[in-house]
Amino acid sequence: MKGDEAFFLLGREKGRNMTLRSSGSQKDRGPVIRRKEIEKTIVRARQAESERLKGYREQSLRIHPWVCARCGREFIVKNLHLLTVHHKDHNHDNNPSDGSNWENLCIYCHDNEHSRLLDHEAGRGMQVGNDEGGAITHKPFAGLEGLLRNGKK
């Protein structure tokens, strides 16, 4: 390739480089793209894709359907960013390659799931009807009957 001319590599034909030359001055042609730069860019792109596919979100999106496991909302590429990967055991370090600890949840169901966990932990695991708590002594409607009687007179 010549030093001062801008060439854009398109492919090979019978052992020759196919090039496209732009007409006009050097300023009109834009940046010069060299073959080695293109090859380096392709290598970096492939490495970035490889690293991205190692992440548990991408693995889960390849394994599981693009549907919220709770509400059943379906996702497409356009709104896929609203689909999250939830760790069933709440341990983000537990990422088996078979996806057995993951479930895809929409952002609303995912927030709900974590709120339920926080509520459970705040209540120290207490269930409804659990008698470990103190007796309830406050009666918010104790004076209501007297107020209603006075209002009718």
C-alpha atoms as a PDB file:
ATOM      1  CA  MET A   1       0.000   0.000   0.000  1.00  0.00           C
ATOM      2  CA  LYS A   2       1.182   3.485  -0.735  1.00  0.00           C
ATOM      3  CA  GLY A   3       2.013   5.740   2.181  1.00  0.00           C
ATOM      4  CA  ASP A   4       0.041   8.882   1.355  1.00  0.00           C
ATOM      5  CA  GLU A   5      -3.111   7.350  -0.101  1.00  0.00           C
ATOM      6  CA  ALA A   6      -6.056   6.098   1.942  1.00  0.00           C
ATOM      7  CA  PHE A   7      -6.932   2.481   1.284  1.00  0.00           C
ATOM      8  CA  PHE A   8      -9.788   0.505   2.757  1.00  0.00           C
ATOM      9  CA  LEU A   9      -9.293  -3.238   2.738  1.00  0.00           C
ATOM     10  CA  LEU A  10     -12.326  -5.052   1.339  1.00  0.00           C
ATOM     11  CA  GLY A  11     -11.022  -8.551   0.768  1.00  0.00           C
ATOM     12  CA  ARG A  12      -8.811 -10.584  -1.501  1.00  0.00           C
ATOM     13  CA  GLU A  13      -9.246 -11.479  -5.132  1.00  0.00           C
ATOM     14  CA  LYS A  14      -6.770 -13.853  -6.786  1.00  0.00           C
ATOM     15  CA  GLY A  15      -4.071 -13.033  -4.259  1.00  0.00           C
ATOM     16  CA  ARG A  16      -4.401  -9.260  -4.683  1.00  0.00           C
ATOM     17  CA  ASN A  17      -5.737  -6.804  -2.148  1.00  0.00           C
ATOM     18  CA  MET A  18      -8.988  -5.257  -3.258  1.00  0.00           C
ATOM     19  CA  THR A  19      -8.960  -1.617  -2.278  1.00  0.00           C
ATOM     20  CA  LEU A  20     -11.279   1.316  -2.476  1.00  0.00           C
ATOM     21  CA  ARG A  21      -9.767   4.722  -3.028  1.00  0.00           C
ATOM     22  CA  SER A  22     -11.653   7.837  -2.188  1.00  0.00           C
ATOM     23  CA  SER A  23     -11.248  10.800  -4.460  1.00  0.00           C
ATOM     24  CA  GLY A  24     -10.407  14.283  -3.286  1.00  0.00           C
ATOM     25  CA  SER A  25      -7.784  15.688  -1.018  1.00  0.00           C
ATOM     26  CA  GLN A  26      -6.305  13.843   1.988  1.00  0.00           C
ATOM     27  CA  LYS A  27      -8.576  15.839   4.336  1.00  0.00           C
ATOM     28  CA  ASP A  28     -11.697  14.575   2.530  1.00  0.00           C
ATOM     29  CA  ARG A  29     -10.645  10.944   2.724  1.00  0.00           C
ATOM     30  CA  GLY A  30     -10.711  10.587   6.513  1.00  0.00           C
ATOM     31  CA  PRO A  31      -8.318   8.393   8.527  1.00  0.00           C
ATOM     32  CA  VAL A  32      -6.053   5.867   6.877  1.00  0.00           C
ATOM     33  CA  ILE A  33      -6.960   2.299   7.816  1.00  0.00           C
ATOM     34  CA  ARG A  34      -4.081  -0.137   7.641  1.00  0.00           C
ATOM     35  CA  ARG A  35      -4.341  -3.908   7.450  1.00  0.00           C
ATOM     36  CA  LYS A  36      -2.507  -4.472  10.759  1.00  0.00           C
ATOM     37  CA  GLU A  37      -4.806  -2.022  12.529  1.00  0.00           C
ATOM     38  CA  ILE A  38      -7.837  -3.881  11.195  1.00  0.00           C
ATOM     39  CA  GLU A  39      -6.431  -7.227  12.317  1.00  0.00           C
ATOM     40  CA  LYS A  40      -5.686  -5.846  15.809  1.00  0.00           C
ATOM     41  CA  THR A  41      -9.215  -4.465  16.043  1.00  0.00           C
ATOM     42  CA  ILE A  42     -10.706  -7.816  15.049  1.00  0.00           C
ATOM     43  CA  VAL A  43      -8.577  -9.636  17.649  1.00  0.00           C
ATOM     44  CA  ARG A  44      -9.652  -7.169  20.375  1.00  0.00           C
ATOM     45  CA  ALA A  45     -13.308  -7.533  19.379  1.00  0.00           C
ATOM     46  CA  ARG A  46     -13.105 -11.330  19.538  1.00  0.00           C
ATOM     47  CA  GLN A  47     -11.410 -11.190  22.942  1.00  0.00           C
ATOM     48  CA  ALA A  48     -14.042  -8.770  24.261  1.00  0.00           C
ATOM     49  CA  GLU A  49     -16.824 -11.050  23.026  1.00  0.00           C
ATOM     50  CA  SER A  50     -15.152 -14.046  24.658  1.00  0.00           C
ATOM     51  CA  GLU A  51     -14.890 -12.210  27.992  1.00  0.00           C
ATOM     52  CA  ARG A  52     -18.491 -11.007  27.741  1.00  0.00           C
ATOM     53  CA  LEU A  53     -19.763 -14.544  27.119  1.00  0.00           C
ATOM     54  CA  LYS A  54     -18.001 -15.714  30.269  1.00  0.00           C
ATOM     55  CA  GLY A  55     -20.253 -13.511  32.426  1.00  0.00           C
ATOM     56  CA  TYR A  56     -23.127 -15.252  34.184  1.00  0.00           C
ATOM     57  CA  ARG A  57     -25.767 -12.919  32.719  1.00  0.00           C
ATOM     58  CA  GLU A  58     -24.817 -13.775  29.155  1.00  0.00           C
ATOM     59  CA  GLN A  59     -24.622 -17.467  30.019  1.00  0.00           C
ATOM     60  CA  SER A  60     -28.073 -17.365  31.586  1.00  0.00           C
ATOM     61  CA  LEU A  61     -29.526 -15.523  28.594  1.00  0.00           C
ATOM     62  CA  ARG A  62     -28.134 -18.236  26.308  1.00  0.00           C
ATOM     63  CA  ILE A  63     -29.406 -21.107  28.500  1.00  0.00           C
ATOM     64  CA  HIS A  64     -32.791 -19.859  29.712  1.00  0.00           C
ATOM     65  CA  PRO A  65     -35.674 -18.409  27.693  1.00  0.00           C
ATOM     66  CA  TRP A  66     -36.088 -14.640  27.629  1.00  0.00           C
ATOM     67  CA  VAL A  67     -39.127 -14.785  29.903  1.00  0.00           C
ATOM     68  CA  CYS A  68     -39.531 -13.643  33.506  1.00  0.00           C
ATOM     69  CA  ALA A  69     -39.735 -16.773  35.650  1.00  0.00           C
ATOM     70  CA  ARG A  70     -42.277 -15.106  37.981  1.00  0.00           C
ATOM     71  CA  CYS A  71     -44.707 -12.995  35.939  1.00  0.00           C
ATOM     72  CA  GLY A  72     -44.139 -14.588  32.515  1.00  0.00           C
ATOM     73  CA  ARG A  73     -43.348 -11.323  30.710  1.00  0.00           C
ATOM     74  CA  GLU A  74     -41.571 -12.011  27.422  1.00  0.00           C
ATOM     75  CA  PHE A  75     -38.533 -10.050  26.275  1.00  0.00           C
ATOM     76  CA  ILE A  76     -36.983  -9.211  22.923  1.00  0.00           C
ATOM     77  CA  VAL A  77     -33.615  -7.714  22.050  1.00  0.00           C
ATOM     78  CA  LYS A  78     -35.067  -4.183  22.313  1.00  0.00           C
ATOM     79  CA  ASN A  79     -36.055  -4.530  25.991  1.00  0.00           C
ATOM     80  CA  LEU A  80     -33.662  -7.292  27.086  1.00  0.00           C
ATOM     81  CA  HIS A  81     -31.885  -4.852  29.413  1.00  0.00           C
ATOM     82  CA  LEU A  82     -34.992  -5.078  31.668  1.00  0.00           C
ATOM     83  CA  LEU A  83     -34.419  -8.812  32.212  1.00  0.00           C
ATOM     84  CA  THR A  84     -32.091  -9.577  35.126  1.00  0.00           C
ATOM     85  CA  VAL A  85     -30.450 -12.746  36.366  1.00  0.00           C
ATOM     86  CA  HIS A  86     -31.386 -13.667  39.929  1.00  0.00           C
ATOM     87  CA  HIS A  87     -29.281 -16.031  42.040  1.00  0.00           C
ATOM     88  CA  LYS A  88     -31.749 -18.412  43.684  1.00  0.00           C
ATOM     89  CA  ASP A  89     -29.552 -18.913  46.757  1.00  0.00           C
ATOM     90  CA  HIS A  90     -28.650 -15.183  46.876  1.00  0.00           C
ATOM     91  CA  ASN A  91     -24.944 -16.100  46.579  1.00  0.00           C
ATOM     92  CA  HIS A  92     -23.446 -14.178  43.652  1.00  0.00           C
ATOM     93  CA  ASP A  93     -20.307 -16.305  43.781  1.00  0.00           C
ATOM     94  CA  ASN A  94     -22.297 -19.492  43.110  1.00  0.00           C
ATOM     95  CA  ASN A  95     -22.360 -19.518  39.300  1.00  0.00           C
ATOM     96  CA  PRO A  96     -22.579 -23.098  37.997  1.00  0.00           C
ATOM     97  CA  SER A  97     -22.184 -23.364  34.240  1.00  0.00           C
ATOM     98  CA  ASP A  98     -25.444 -25.330  33.941  1.00  0.00           C
ATOM     99  CA  GLY A  99     -27.412 -22.320  35.236  1.00  0.00           C
ATOM    100  CA  SER A 100     -29.053 -24.237  38.077  1.00  0.00           C
ATOM    101  CA  ASN A 101     -28.656 -21.304  40.505  1.00  0.00           C
ATOM    102  CA  TRP A 102     -30.026 -18.677  38.127  1.00  0.00           C
ATOM    103  CA  GLU A 103     -33.451 -17.568  37.043  1.00  0.00           C
ATOM    104  CA  ASN A 104     -34.276 -14.724  34.698  1.00  0.00           C
ATOM    105  CA  LEU A 105     -36.535 -12.149  36.345  1.00  0.00           C
ATOM    106  CA  CYS A 106     -37.834  -8.822  35.087  1.00  0.00           C
ATOM    107  CA  ILE A 107     -36.580  -5.853  37.086  1.00  0.00           C
ATOM    108  CA  TYR A 108     -39.882  -5.562  38.965  1.00  0.00           C
ATOM    109  CA  CYS A 109     -39.999  -9.192  40.094  1.00  0.00           C
ATOM    110  CA  HIS A 110     -36.279  -9.064  40.911  1.00  0.00           C
ATOM    111  CA  ASP A 111     -36.785  -6.020  43.154  1.00  0.00           C
ATOM    112  CA  ASN A 112     -39.762  -7.763  44.770  1.00  0.00           C
ATOM    113  CA  GLU A 113     -37.705 -10.895  45.450  1.00  0.00           C
ATOM    114  CA  HIS A 114     -34.939  -8.935  47.150  1.00  0.00           C
ATOM    115  CA  SER A 115     -37.456  -6.876  49.153  1.00  0.00           C
ATOM    116  CA  ARG A 116     -39.018 -10.105  50.410  1.00  0.00           C
ATOM    117  CA  LEU A 117     -35.589 -11.350  51.476  1.00  0.00           C
ATOM    118  CA  LEU A 118     -34.829  -8.089  53.299  1.00  0.00           C
ATOM    119  CA  ASP A 119     -38.238  -8.154  55.016  1.00  0.00           C
ATOM    120  CA  HIS A 120     -37.635 -11.748  56.089  1.00  0.00           C
ATOM    121  CA  GLU A 121     -34.232 -10.890  57.515  1.00  0.00           C
ATOM    122  CA  ALA A 122     -35.575  -7.777  59.268  1.00  0.00           C
ATOM    123  CA  GLY A 123     -38.274  -9.883  60.909  1.00  0.00           C
ATOM    124  CA  ARG A 124     -35.592 -12.355  62.001  1.00  0.00           C
ATOM    125  CA  GLY A 125     -37.438 -15.140  60.233  1.00  0.00           C
ATOM    126  CA  MET A 126     -40.702 -14.630  62.125  1.00  0.00           C
ATOM    127  CA  GLN A 127     -43.830 -15.990  60.465  1.00  0.00           C
ATOM    128  CA  VAL A 128     -47.421 -14.777  60.807  1.00  0.00           C
ATOM    129  CA  GLY A 129     -48.875 -16.221  63.985  1.00  0.00           C
ATOM    130  CA  ASN A 130     -45.477 -16.757  65.531  1.00  0.00           C
ATOM    131  CA  ASP A 131     -45.883 -16.127  69.285  1.00  0.00           C
ATOM    132  CA  GLU A 132     -42.265 -15.154  69.926  1.00  0.00           C
ATOM    133  CA  GLY A 133     -43.118 -11.442  69.760  1.00  0.00           C
ATOM    134  CA  GLY A 134     -44.657  -9.530  72.662  1.00  0.00           C
ATOM    135  CA  ALA A 135     -48.423  -9.285  73.086  1.00  0.00           C
ATOM    136  CA  ILE A 136     -50.116  -6.445  71.251  1.00  0.00           C
ATOM    137  CA  THR A 137     -51.548  -3.982  73.759  1.00  0.00           C
ATOM    138  CA  HIS A 138     -52.320  -0.975  71.575  1.00  0.00           C
ATOM    139  CA  LYS A 139     -55.992  -0.643  70.560  1.00  0.00           C
ATOM    140  CA  PRO A 140     -56.247   2.002  67.837  1.00  0.00           C
ATOM    141  CA  PHE A 141     -60.097   2.011  67.737  1.00  0.00           C
ATOM    142  CA  ALA A 142     -60.728   1.961  71.479  1.00  0.00           C
ATOM    143  CA  GLY A 143     -62.314   5.431  71.592  1.00  0.00           C
ATOM    144  CA  LEU A 144     -64.128   5.171  68.252  1.00  0.00           C
ATOM    145  CA  GLU A 145     -67.437   3.937  69.646  1.00  0.00           C
ATOM    146  CA  GLY A 146     -67.696   6.880  72.036  1.00  0.00           C
ATOM    147  CA  LEU A 147     -66.897   9.343  69.238  1.00  0.00           C
ATOM    148  CA  LEU A 148     -69.552   7.844  66.983  1.00  0.00           C
ATOM    149  CA  ARG A 149     -72.199   8.022  69.743  1.00  0.00           C
ATOM    150  CA  ASN A 150     -71.397  11.684  70.423  1.00  0.00           C
ATOM    151  CA  GLY A 151     -71.589  12.467  66.707  1.00  0.00           C
ATOM    152  CA  LYS A 152     -75.147  11.072  66.374  1.00  0.00           C
ATOM    153  CA  LYS A 153     -76.672  13.366  69.057  1.00  0.00           C
END
